[in-house]
Protein backbone atom coordinates (compact mmCIF):
# COMPACT_ATOMS: atom_id res chain seq x y z
CA PHE A 1 137.16 101.85 119.79
CA VAL A 2 139.58 102.17 116.88
CA PRO A 3 140.46 99.23 114.57
CA ALA A 4 144.10 98.15 114.71
CA PRO A 5 146.00 95.80 112.37
CA LYS A 6 146.21 92.15 113.55
CA TRP A 7 143.96 92.91 116.51
CA CYS A 8 140.29 93.64 116.93
CA GLY A 9 141.12 97.19 117.93
CA VAL A 10 142.30 99.59 120.55
CA ARG A 11 140.03 100.84 123.31
CA TYR A 12 140.90 104.22 124.72
CA ALA A 13 139.53 106.83 127.08
CA ASN A 14 140.03 110.58 127.02
CA GLN A 15 141.55 112.46 129.94
CA ARG A 16 138.95 112.89 132.66
CA HIS A 17 140.38 116.09 134.08
CA SER A 18 139.36 118.99 131.85
CA GLY A 19 142.61 120.91 132.48
CA ARG A 20 144.81 118.01 131.32
CA TYR A 21 142.43 117.36 128.43
CA LEU A 22 142.72 120.94 127.20
CA ALA A 23 146.49 121.04 127.79
CA SER A 24 146.95 117.94 125.63
CA LEU A 25 144.85 119.38 122.82
CA THR A 26 146.60 122.74 123.02
CA ALA A 27 149.95 120.94 122.69
CA GLY A 28 148.66 119.20 119.57
CA GLN A 29 148.48 115.80 121.26
CA LEU A 30 145.68 113.33 121.67
CA ALA A 31 144.00 113.70 125.05
CA THR A 32 143.98 109.99 125.88
CA ASP A 33 144.15 108.77 129.44
CA PHE A 34 144.80 105.12 128.56
CA GLU A 35 144.79 102.67 125.66
CA GLU A 36 144.42 98.90 125.60
CA THR A 37 144.57 96.44 122.73
CA ILE A 38 141.49 94.26 122.42
CA ASP A 39 142.10 90.67 121.35
CA THR A 40 139.58 88.55 119.45
CA ALA A 41 138.34 86.64 122.50
CA THR A 42 137.67 89.82 124.49
CA HIS A 43 135.98 91.47 121.52
CA THR A 44 133.75 88.43 120.98
CA THR A 45 132.73 88.24 124.65
CA GLU A 46 131.94 91.95 124.79
CA ARG A 47 130.00 91.79 121.52
CA VAL A 48 127.82 88.98 122.90
CA MET A 49 127.34 90.67 126.29
CA THR A 50 126.39 93.96 124.67
CA GLY A 51 124.09 92.34 122.12
CA LEU A 52 122.19 90.40 124.77
CA ARG A 53 121.48 93.65 126.60
CA THR A 54 119.30 94.79 123.68
CA ALA A 55 115.76 93.73 122.82
CA ARG A 56 116.96 92.55 119.39
CA GLY A 57 119.73 90.37 120.81
CA VAL A 58 122.89 89.12 119.11
CA ASP A 59 122.73 89.02 115.31
CA LEU A 60 124.15 85.55 114.65
CA ALA A 61 125.11 86.24 111.01
CA ASP A 62 126.98 89.40 112.07
CA LEU A 63 128.76 87.41 114.79
CA ASP A 64 129.95 84.85 112.22
CA ALA A 65 131.03 87.63 109.86
CA ALA A 66 132.97 89.46 112.58
CA VAL A 67 134.49 86.54 114.44
CA GLY A 68 134.52 83.72 111.92
CA PRO A 69 132.35 80.88 110.68
CA GLY A 70 130.99 78.75 113.48
CA ALA A 71 131.03 81.46 116.17
CA ALA A 72 127.23 81.70 116.18
CA ASP A 73 126.80 77.92 116.30
CA ALA A 74 129.24 77.74 119.23
CA LEU A 75 127.31 80.44 121.10
CA VAL A 76 123.97 78.69 120.57
CA ALA A 77 125.55 75.36 121.60
CA ARG A 78 126.84 76.97 124.84
CA ALA A 79 123.35 78.35 125.49
CA ARG A 80 121.83 74.91 124.92
CA ALA A 81 124.44 73.04 126.99
CA GLY A 82 124.13 75.50 129.88
CA GLY A 83 120.36 75.16 130.00
CA VAL A 84 119.95 78.79 128.94
CA LEU A 85 118.33 78.18 125.57
CA ASP A 86 114.54 77.99 125.73
CA ARG A 87 114.49 78.93 129.44
CA ASP A 88 116.30 82.32 129.38
CA ALA A 89 117.15 82.85 125.72
CA GLU A 90 115.72 82.03 122.33
CA VAL A 91 116.80 82.13 118.71
CA GLU A 92 114.38 84.26 116.73
CA SER A 93 114.84 85.69 113.23
CA GLY A 94 118.57 84.97 113.25
CA HIS A 95 119.16 86.57 116.66
CA LEU A 96 119.93 85.08 120.04
CA ARG A 97 117.92 87.16 122.49
CA LEU A 98 116.86 87.00 126.10
CA THR A 99 113.29 85.94 126.84
CA ASP A 100 111.07 88.46 128.59
CA GLY A 101 111.35 86.49 131.82
CA ALA A 102 115.16 86.54 131.75
CA TRP A 103 115.56 90.32 131.87
CA PRO A 104 115.49 90.54 135.71
CA GLN A 105 118.42 88.09 135.95
CA MET A 106 120.18 89.32 132.80
CA ASP A 107 123.67 89.52 134.31
CA GLY A 108 123.62 85.87 135.42
CA VAL A 109 122.38 84.69 132.02
CA ILE A 110 125.06 86.70 130.23
CA ARG A 111 127.79 85.34 132.54
CA ALA A 112 126.60 81.80 131.74
CA LEU A 113 127.10 82.47 128.03
CA ALA A 114 130.37 84.44 128.19
C-alpha cells in the first residue's frame, strides 16, 4: 500500500512468477503485477474489517483521524442499529472490538458493519 495524492493510496502486488519478477528488476523496472487505486470508502471498509479481526479492535480515534470527524460515531451507530453492539461487539477503551462470543461468527459480524 503506497499513499497517492487525492486518494487513500495505491494497492499493488509483485509479479508472482519468479522469472518475470527477476526480469523486471534486471531491466530496472518495478516488478508489479497489478495496481489499483483505493478510494476513501474502500479504505475505510478495509480498515474496519481488518481492525475487527484483532483482539484490540478498531481504534475509534484513529478512525476519525484517518477518515474524518464522525466516522467512529457512524460506525458505532451502525453497530447499535444492526443489533451488533452489546451482543457481538463492544466499545472498550476507545476501541470497537468483537466480544469473545462473536469470534466464531466473525465474518458475519464484520459484514453487518461494513
